[in-house]
Amino acid sequence: MARPDEVISEVLGLLEPMVTQDGGSLRVAEFSAARSALVIDYVKGVNEACESCIIDGESLKAFIDEGLRTRGVHLSEITISEPGA
């Protein structure tokens, strides 16, 4: 079985195209296996043609949680930090 940090990287890699297409970015700010906690820094991009196409933090959190759970990683706490928001 893959290590949790490897699974986190895999899931973020799958979600990254959703945010980078509009100039956004994702980064693991903190991961603690002992506390079962993950903090993601999420910088939203800009899409003037479709403001509602930009993924919000809560949706991103749900996508990350689902992606991790389907790969066998269950975290107690996932926090999406949006610097500058």
PDB file of N, CA and C in Angstrom:
ATOM      1  N   MET A   1       0.838  -1.190   0.000  1.00  0.00           N
ATOM      2  CA  MET A   1       0.000   0.000   0.000  1.00  0.00           C
ATOM      3  C   MET A   1       0.882   1.253   0.000  1.00  0.00           C
ATOM      4  N   ALA A   2       0.463   2.239  -0.768  1.00  0.00           N
ATOM      5  CA  ALA A   2       1.232   3.478  -0.896  1.00  0.00           C
ATOM      6  C   ALA A   2       1.176   4.283   0.407  1.00  0.00           C
ATOM      7  N   ARG A   3       2.214   5.042   0.650  1.00  0.00           N
ATOM      8  CA  ARG A   3       2.263   5.911   1.828  1.00  0.00           C
ATOM      9  C   ARG A   3       1.263   7.052   1.645  1.00  0.00           C
ATOM     10  N   PRO A   4       0.691   7.548   2.747  1.00  0.00           N
ATOM     11  CA  PRO A   4      -0.288   8.634   2.641  1.00  0.00           C
ATOM     12  C   PRO A   4       0.226   9.860   1.890  1.00  0.00           C
ATOM     13  N   ASP A   5       1.492  10.236   2.107  1.00  0.00           N
ATOM     14  CA  ASP A   5       2.017  11.410   1.410  1.00  0.00           C
ATOM     15  C   ASP A   5       2.093  11.179  -0.101  1.00  0.00           C
ATOM     16  N   GLU A   6       2.347   9.950  -0.510  1.00  0.00           N
ATOM     17  CA  GLU A   6       2.362   9.630  -1.941  1.00  0.00           C
ATOM     18  C   GLU A   6       0.959   9.711  -2.529  1.00  0.00           C
ATOM     19  N   VAL A   7      -0.027   9.247  -1.763  1.00  0.00           N
ATOM     20  CA  VAL A   7      -1.418   9.298  -2.226  1.00  0.00           C
ATOM     21  C   VAL A   7      -1.881  10.747  -2.307  1.00  0.00           C
ATOM     22  N   ILE A   8      -1.496  11.559  -1.339  1.00  0.00           N
ATOM     23  CA  ILE A   8      -1.849  12.985  -1.373  1.00  0.00           C
ATOM     24  C   ILE A   8      -1.281  13.629  -2.636  1.00  0.00           C
ATOM     25  N   SER A   9      -0.023  13.349  -2.938  1.00  0.00           N
ATOM     26  CA  SER A   9       0.603  13.903  -4.153  1.00  0.00           C
ATOM     27  C   SER A   9      -0.128  13.444  -5.407  1.00  0.00           C
ATOM     28  N   GLU A  10      -0.530  12.181  -5.430  1.00  0.00           N
ATOM     29  CA  GLU A  10      -1.257  11.651  -6.582  1.00  0.00           C
ATOM     30  C   GLU A  10      -2.593  12.375  -6.768  1.00  0.00           C
ATOM     31  N   VAL A  11      -3.344  12.519  -5.687  1.00  0.00           N
ATOM     32  CA  VAL A  11      -4.659  13.163  -5.766  1.00  0.00           C
ATOM     33  C   VAL A  11      -4.515  14.627  -6.180  1.00  0.00           C
ATOM     34  N   LEU A  12      -3.563  15.331  -5.599  1.00  0.00           N
ATOM     35  CA  LEU A  12      -3.366  16.735  -5.984  1.00  0.00           C
ATOM     36  C   LEU A  12      -2.935  16.839  -7.441  1.00  0.00           C
ATOM     37  N   GLY A  13      -2.139  15.888  -7.898  1.00  0.00           N
ATOM     38  CA  GLY A  13      -1.734  15.870  -9.303  1.00  0.00           C
ATOM     39  C   GLY A  13      -2.915  15.713 -10.245  1.00  0.00           C
ATOM     40  N   LEU A  14      -3.909  14.944  -9.813  1.00  0.00           N
ATOM     41  CA  LEU A  14      -5.111  14.773 -10.634  1.00  0.00           C
ATOM     42  C   LEU A  14      -5.988  16.026 -10.631  1.00  0.00           C
ATOM     43  N   LEU A  15      -5.994  16.749  -9.514  1.00  0.00           N
ATOM     44  CA  LEU A  15      -6.837  17.944  -9.397  1.00  0.00           C
ATOM     45  C   LEU A  15      -6.166  19.203  -9.929  1.00  0.00           C
ATOM     46  N   GLU A  16      -4.861  19.177  -9.987  1.00  0.00           N
ATOM     47  CA  GLU A  16      -4.107  20.362 -10.402  1.00  0.00           C
ATOM     48  C   GLU A  16      -4.560  20.957 -11.736  1.00  0.00           C
ATOM     49  N   PRO A  17      -4.819  20.153 -12.764  1.00  0.00           N
ATOM     50  CA  PRO A  17      -5.256  20.753 -14.033  1.00  0.00           C
ATOM     51  C   PRO A  17      -6.551  21.570 -13.904  1.00  0.00           C
ATOM     52  N   MET A  18      -7.396  21.205 -12.951  1.00  0.00           N
ATOM     53  CA  MET A  18      -8.639  21.946 -12.754  1.00  0.00           C
ATOM     54  C   MET A  18      -8.384  23.372 -12.279  1.00  0.00           C
ATOM     55  N   VAL A  19      -7.318  23.577 -11.528  1.00  0.00           N
ATOM     56  CA  VAL A  19      -7.037  24.914 -11.001  1.00  0.00           C
ATOM     57  C   VAL A  19      -5.984  25.666 -11.817  1.00  0.00           C
ATOM     58  N   THR A  20      -5.045  24.941 -12.417  1.00  0.00           N
ATOM     59  CA  THR A  20      -3.990  25.627 -13.173  1.00  0.00           C
ATOM     60  C   THR A  20      -4.475  26.172 -14.511  1.00  0.00           C
ATOM     61  N   GLN A  21      -5.557  25.604 -15.041  1.00  0.00           N
ATOM     62  CA  GLN A  21      -6.050  26.104 -16.325  1.00  0.00           C
ATOM     63  C   GLN A  21      -6.497  27.561 -16.232  1.00  0.00           C
ATOM     64  N   ASP A  22      -6.817  28.012 -15.017  1.00  0.00           N
ATOM     65  CA  ASP A  22      -7.214  29.403 -14.811  1.00  0.00           C
ATOM     66  C   ASP A  22      -6.147  30.191 -14.054  1.00  0.00           C
ATOM     67  N   GLY A  23      -4.955  29.610 -13.936  1.00  0.00           N
ATOM     68  CA  GLY A  23      -3.848  30.295 -13.280  1.00  0.00           C
ATOM     69  C   GLY A  23      -3.758  30.067 -11.784  1.00  0.00           C
ATOM     70  N   GLY A  24      -4.515  29.124 -11.245  1.00  0.00           N
ATOM     71  CA  GLY A  24      -4.470  28.826  -9.815  1.00  0.00           C
ATOM     72  C   GLY A  24      -3.378  27.837  -9.484  1.00  0.00           C
ATOM     73  N   SER A  25      -3.230  27.556  -8.190  1.00  0.00           N
ATOM     74  CA  SER A  25      -2.219  26.590  -7.771  1.00  0.00           C
ATOM     75  C   SER A  25      -2.629  25.903  -6.465  1.00  0.00           C
ATOM     76  N   LEU A  26      -2.076  24.714  -6.274  1.00  0.00           N
ATOM     77  CA  LEU A  26      -2.272  23.907  -5.068  1.00  0.00           C
ATOM     78  C   LEU A  26      -0.907  23.557  -4.508  1.00  0.00           C
ATOM     79  N   ARG A  27      -0.813  23.553  -3.172  1.00  0.00           N
ATOM     80  CA  ARG A  27       0.453  23.180  -2.535  1.00  0.00           C
ATOM     81  C   ARG A  27       0.153  22.604  -1.164  1.00  0.00           C
ATOM     82  N   VAL A  28       0.819  21.515  -0.814  1.00  0.00           N
ATOM     83  CA  VAL A  28       0.691  20.979   0.535  1.00  0.00           C
ATOM     84  C   VAL A  28       1.444  21.916   1.469  1.00  0.00           C
ATOM     85  N   ALA A  29       0.715  22.554   2.382  1.00  0.00           N
ATOM     86  CA  ALA A  29       1.334  23.444   3.361  1.00  0.00           C
ATOM     87  C   ALA A  29       1.782  22.657   4.578  1.00  0.00           C
ATOM     88  N   GLU A  30       0.981  21.625   4.933  1.00  0.00           N
ATOM     89  CA  GLU A  30       1.311  20.812   6.095  1.00  0.00           C
ATOM     90  C   GLU A  30       0.597  19.468   5.998  1.00  0.00           C
ATOM     91  N   PHE A  31       1.309  18.423   6.364  1.00  0.00           N
ATOM     92  CA  PHE A  31       0.692  17.112   6.488  1.00  0.00           C
ATOM     93  C   PHE A  31       1.238  16.457   7.739  1.00  0.00           C
ATOM     94  N   SER A  32       0.338  15.988   8.589  1.00  0.00           N
ATOM     95  CA  SER A  32       0.733  15.283   9.802  1.00  0.00           C
ATOM     96  C   SER A  32      -0.007  13.953   9.851  1.00  0.00           C
ATOM     97  N   ALA A  33       0.709  12.878   9.617  1.00  0.00           N
ATOM     98  CA  ALA A  33       0.103  11.552   9.701  1.00  0.00           C
ATOM     99  C   ALA A  33      -0.332  11.268  11.137  1.00  0.00           C
ATOM    100  N   ALA A  34       0.451  11.740  12.100  1.00  0.00           N
ATOM    101  CA  ALA A  34       0.138  11.498  13.511  1.00  0.00           C
ATOM    102  C   ALA A  34      -1.183  12.158  13.913  1.00  0.00           C
ATOM    103  N   ARG A  35      -1.440  13.353  13.401  1.00  0.00           N
ATOM    104  CA  ARG A  35      -2.691  14.064  13.710  1.00  0.00           C
ATOM    105  C   ARG A  35      -3.784  13.785  12.683  1.00  0.00           C
ATOM    106  N   SER A  36      -3.439  13.062  11.613  1.00  0.00           N
ATOM    107  CA  SER A  36      -4.378  12.775  10.523  1.00  0.00           C
ATOM    108  C   SER A  36      -4.930  14.070   9.944  1.00  0.00           C
ATOM    109  N   ALA A  37      -4.009  15.013   9.683  1.00  0.00           N
ATOM    110  CA  ALA A  37      -4.407  16.349   9.242  1.00  0.00           C
ATOM    111  C   ALA A  37      -3.608  16.786   8.015  1.00  0.00           C
ATOM    112  N   LEU A  38      -4.297  17.488   7.139  1.00  0.00           N
ATOM    113  CA  LEU A  38      -3.705  17.997   5.905  1.00  0.00           C
ATOM    114  C   LEU A  38      -4.139  19.442   5.715  1.00  0.00           C
ATOM    115  N   VAL A  39      -3.183  20.308   5.380  1.00  0.00           N
ATOM    116  CA  VAL A  39      -3.488  21.699   5.050  1.00  0.00           C
ATOM    117  C   VAL A  39      -2.982  21.955   3.636  1.00  0.00           C
ATOM    118  N   ILE A  40      -3.879  22.442   2.798  1.00  0.00           N
ATOM    119  CA  ILE A  40      -3.548  22.761   1.407  1.00  0.00           C
ATOM    120  C   ILE A  40      -3.625  24.260   1.205  1.00  0.00           C
ATOM    121  N   ASP A  41      -2.574  24.858   0.654  1.00  0.00           N
ATOM    122  CA  ASP A  41      -2.638  26.256   0.216  1.00  0.00           C
ATOM    123  C   ASP A  41      -3.222  26.261  -1.181  1.00  0.00           C
ATOM    124  N   TYR A  42      -4.304  26.995  -1.345  1.00  0.00           N
ATOM    125  CA  TYR A  42      -5.003  27.060  -2.629  1.00  0.00           C
ATOM    126  C   TYR A  42      -5.097  28.509  -3.080  1.00  0.00           C
ATOM    127  N   VAL A  43      -4.429  28.811  -4.184  1.00  0.00           N
ATOM    128  CA  VAL A  43      -4.519  30.128  -4.795  1.00  0.00           C
ATOM    129  C   VAL A  43      -5.462  30.000  -5.977  1.00  0.00           C
ATOM    130  N   LYS A  44      -6.582  30.715  -5.896  1.00  0.00           N
ATOM    131  CA  LYS A  44      -7.564  30.654  -6.981  1.00  0.00           C
ATOM    132  C   LYS A  44      -7.043  31.388  -8.209  1.00  0.00           C
ATOM    133  N   GLY A  45      -7.399  30.855  -9.346  1.00  0.00           N
ATOM    134  CA  GLY A  45      -7.067  31.508 -10.596  1.00  0.00           C
ATOM    135  C   GLY A  45      -8.149  32.510 -10.962  1.00  0.00           C
ATOM    136  N   VAL A  46      -8.082  33.003 -12.172  1.00  0.00           N
ATOM    137  CA  VAL A  46      -9.047  33.982 -12.663  1.00  0.00           C
ATOM    138  C   VAL A  46      -9.572  33.505 -14.008  1.00  0.00           C
ATOM    139  N   ASN A  47     -10.883  33.543 -14.155  1.00  0.00           N
ATOM    140  CA  ASN A  47     -11.508  33.208 -15.425  1.00  0.00           C
ATOM    141  C   ASN A  47     -12.622  34.226 -15.636  1.00  0.00           C
ATOM    142  N   GLU A  48     -12.279  35.327 -16.295  1.00  0.00           N
ATOM    143  CA  GLU A  48     -13.239  36.411 -16.483  1.00  0.00           C
ATOM    144  C   GLU A  48     -14.433  35.988 -17.325  1.00  0.00           C
ATOM    145  N   ALA A  49     -14.254  35.021 -18.202  1.00  0.00           N
ATOM    146  CA  ALA A  49     -15.346  34.551 -19.048  1.00  0.00           C
ATOM    147  C   ALA A  49     -16.332  33.677 -18.278  1.00  0.00           C
ATOM    148  N   CYS A  50     -15.861  33.086 -17.173  1.00  0.00           N
ATOM    149  CA  CYS A  50     -16.724  32.176 -16.405  1.00  0.00           C
ATOM    150  C   CYS A  50     -16.295  32.180 -14.941  1.00  0.00           C
ATOM    151  N   GLU A  51     -16.736  33.183 -14.203  1.00  0.00           N
ATOM    152  CA  GLU A  51     -16.384  33.292 -12.784  1.00  0.00           C
ATOM    153  C   GLU A  51     -16.800  32.052 -12.002  1.00  0.00           C
ATOM    154  N   SER A  52     -17.953  31.470 -12.328  1.00  0.00           N
ATOM    155  CA  SER A  52     -18.450  30.314 -11.589  1.00  0.00           C
ATOM    156  C   SER A  52     -17.685  29.030 -11.942  1.00  0.00           C
ATOM    157  N   CYS A  53     -16.811  29.103 -12.938  1.00  0.00           N
ATOM    158  CA  CYS A  53     -16.011  27.929 -13.306  1.00  0.00           C
ATOM    159  C   CYS A  53     -14.831  27.724 -12.364  1.00  0.00           C
ATOM    160  N   ILE A  54     -14.494  28.737 -11.569  1.00  0.00           N
ATOM    161  CA  ILE A  54     -13.392  28.625 -10.621  1.00  0.00           C
ATOM    162  C   ILE A  54     -13.871  27.784  -9.441  1.00  0.00           C
ATOM    163  N   ILE A  55     -13.129  26.747  -9.132  1.00  0.00           N
ATOM    164  CA  ILE A  55     -13.509  25.857  -8.034  1.00  0.00           C
ATOM    165  C   ILE A  55     -13.346  26.580  -6.698  1.00  0.00           C
ATOM    166  N   ASP A  56     -14.344  26.449  -5.830  1.00  0.00           N
ATOM    167  CA  ASP A  56     -14.264  27.081  -4.514  1.00  0.00           C
ATOM    168  C   ASP A  56     -13.571  26.131  -3.529  1.00  0.00           C
ATOM    169  N   GLY A  57     -13.161  26.677  -2.403  1.00  0.00           N
ATOM    170  CA  GLY A  57     -12.413  25.903  -1.418  1.00  0.00           C
ATOM    171  C   GLY A  57     -13.156  24.694  -0.875  1.00  0.00           C
ATOM    172  N   GLU A  58     -14.452  24.842  -0.627  1.00  0.00           N
ATOM    173  CA  GLU A  58     -15.231  23.725  -0.092  1.00  0.00           C
ATOM    174  C   GLU A  58     -15.334  22.579  -1.101  1.00  0.00           C
ATOM    175  N   SER A  59     -15.524  22.917  -2.362  1.00  0.00           N
ATOM    176  CA  SER A  59     -15.584  21.874  -3.397  1.00  0.00           C
ATOM    177  C   SER A  59     -14.230  21.193  -3.537  1.00  0.00           C
ATOM    178  N   LEU A  60     -13.172  21.986  -3.507  1.00  0.00           N
ATOM    179  CA  LEU A  60     -11.825  21.421  -3.592  1.00  0.00           C
ATOM    180  C   LEU A  60     -11.578  20.454  -2.436  1.00  0.00           C
ATOM    181  N   LYS A  61     -11.980  20.851  -1.236  1.00  0.00           N
ATOM    182  CA  LYS A  61     -11.831  19.987  -0.058  1.00  0.00           C
ATOM    183  C   LYS A  61     -12.575  18.668  -0.262  1.00  0.00           C
ATOM    184  N   ALA A  62     -13.787  18.739  -0.778  1.00  0.00           N
ATOM    185  CA  ALA A  62     -14.581  17.531  -1.019  1.00  0.00           C
ATOM    186  C   ALA A  62     -13.918  16.629  -2.057  1.00  0.00           C
ATOM    187  N   PHE A  63     -13.381  17.226  -3.128  1.00  0.00           N
ATOM    188  CA  PHE A  63     -12.691  16.442  -4.156  1.00  0.00           C
ATOM    189  C   PHE A  63     -11.453  15.752  -3.577  1.00  0.00           C
ATOM    190  N   ILE A  64     -10.691  16.482  -2.771  1.00  0.00           N
ATOM    191  CA  ILE A  64      -9.487  15.902  -2.165  1.00  0.00           C
ATOM    192  C   ILE A  64      -9.870  14.758  -1.233  1.00  0.00           C
ATOM    193  N   ASP A  65     -10.862  15.005  -0.383  1.00  0.00           N
ATOM    194  CA  ASP A  65     -11.299  13.976   0.563  1.00  0.00           C
ATOM    195  C   ASP A  65     -11.763  12.721  -0.169  1.00  0.00           C
ATOM    196  N   GLU A  66     -12.572  12.898  -1.194  1.00  0.00           N
ATOM    197  CA  GLU A  66     -13.066  11.743  -1.960  1.00  0.00           C
ATOM    198  C   GLU A  66     -11.924  10.999  -2.640  1.00  0.00           C
ATOM    199  N   GLY A  67     -11.006  11.755  -3.241  1.00  0.00           N
ATOM    200  CA  GLY A  67      -9.867  11.132  -3.912  1.00  0.00           C
ATOM    201  C   GLY A  67      -9.006  10.328  -2.958  1.00  0.00           C
ATOM    202  N   LEU A  68      -8.792  10.878  -1.757  1.00  0.00           N
ATOM    203  CA  LEU A  68      -7.989  10.165  -0.759  1.00  0.00           C
ATOM    204  C   LEU A  68      -8.712   8.923  -0.261  1.00  0.00           C
ATOM    205  N   ARG A  69      -9.994   9.065   0.046  1.00  0.00           N
ATOM    206  CA  ARG A  69     -10.761   7.934   0.592  1.00  0.00           C
ATOM    207  C   ARG A  69     -10.850   6.777  -0.408  1.00  0.00           C
ATOM    208  N   THR A  70     -11.030   7.093  -1.677  1.00  0.00           N
ATOM    209  CA  THR A  70     -11.125   6.012  -2.663  1.00  0.00           C
ATOM    210  C   THR A  70      -9.794   5.281  -2.814  1.00  0.00           C
ATOM    211  N   ARG A  71      -8.721   5.895  -2.337  1.00  0.00           N
ATOM    212  CA  ARG A  71      -7.394   5.271  -2.393  1.00  0.00           C
ATOM    213  C   ARG A  71      -6.964   4.749  -1.019  1.00  0.00           C
ATOM    214  N   GLY A  72      -7.904   4.724  -0.066  1.00  0.00           N
ATOM    215  CA  GLY A  72      -7.632   4.135   1.236  1.00  0.00           C
ATOM    216  C   GLY A  72      -7.012   5.041   2.275  1.00  0.00           C
ATOM    217  N   VAL A  73      -6.969   6.349   2.010  1.00  0.00           N
ATOM    218  CA  VAL A  73      -6.413   7.290   2.984  1.00  0.00           C
ATOM    219  C   VAL A  73      -7.563   8.095   3.581  1.00  0.00           C
ATOM    220  N   HIS A  74      -7.758   7.937   4.886  1.00  0.00           N
ATOM    221  CA  HIS A  74      -8.845   8.620   5.590  1.00  0.00           C
ATOM    222  C   HIS A  74      -8.233   9.601   6.580  1.00  0.00           C
ATOM    223  N   LEU A  75      -8.425  10.893   6.333  1.00  0.00           N
ATOM    224  CA  LEU A  75      -7.886  11.913   7.225  1.00  0.00           C
ATOM    225  C   LEU A  75      -9.004  12.521   8.057  1.00  0.00           C
ATOM    226  N   SER A  76      -8.689  12.854   9.305  1.00  0.00           N
ATOM    227  CA  SER A  76      -9.670  13.465  10.194  1.00  0.00           C
ATOM    228  C   SER A  76      -9.919  14.925   9.843  1.00  0.00           C
ATOM    229  N   GLU A  77      -8.882  15.572   9.320  1.00  0.00           N
ATOM    230  CA  GLU A  77      -8.983  17.010   9.088  1.00  0.00           C
ATOM    231  C   GLU A  77      -8.299  17.391   7.777  1.00  0.00           C
ATOM    232  N   ILE A  78      -9.064  18.031   6.900  1.00  0.00           N
ATOM    233  CA  ILE A  78      -8.515  18.614   5.677  1.00  0.00           C
ATOM    234  C   ILE A  78      -8.890  20.077   5.687  1.00  0.00           C
ATOM    235  N   THR A  79      -7.887  20.938   5.628  1.00  0.00           N
ATOM    236  CA  THR A  79      -8.111  22.379   5.647  1.00  0.00           C
ATOM    237  C   THR A  79      -7.607  22.976   4.342  1.00  0.00           C
ATOM    238  N   ILE A  80      -8.440  23.814   3.740  1.00  0.00           N
ATOM    239  CA  ILE A  80      -8.039  24.541   2.539  1.00  0.00           C
ATOM    240  C   ILE A  80      -7.753  25.972   2.951  1.00  0.00           C
ATOM    241  N   SER A  81      -6.506  26.373   2.838  1.00  0.00           N
ATOM    242  CA  SER A  81      -6.094  27.725   3.169  1.00  0.00           C
ATOM    243  C   SER A  81      -6.019  28.508   1.865  1.00  0.00           C
ATOM    244  N   GLU A  82      -6.704  29.651   1.840  1.00  0.00           N
ATOM    245  CA  GLU A  82      -6.692  30.489   0.648  1.00  0.00           C
ATOM    246  C   GLU A  82      -6.007  31.808   0.966  1.00  0.00           C
ATOM    247  N   PRO A  83      -4.666  31.820   0.856  1.00  0.00           N
ATOM    248  CA  PRO A  83      -3.923  33.046   1.144  1.00  0.00           C
ATOM    249  C   PRO A  83      -4.437  34.213   0.304  1.00  0.00           C
ATOM    250  N   GLY A  84      -4.650  35.327   0.967  1.00  0.00           N
ATOM    251  CA  GLY A  84      -5.108  36.513   0.266  1.00  0.00           C
ATOM    252  C   GLY A  84      -6.612  36.559   0.053  1.00  0.00           C
ATOM    253  N   ALA A  85      -7.334  35.535   0.464  1.00  0.00           N
ATOM    254  CA  ALA A  85      -8.795  35.529   0.283  1.00  0.00           C
ATOM    255  C   ALA A  85      -9.478  36.250   1.419  1.00  0.00           C
TER     256      ALA A  85
END
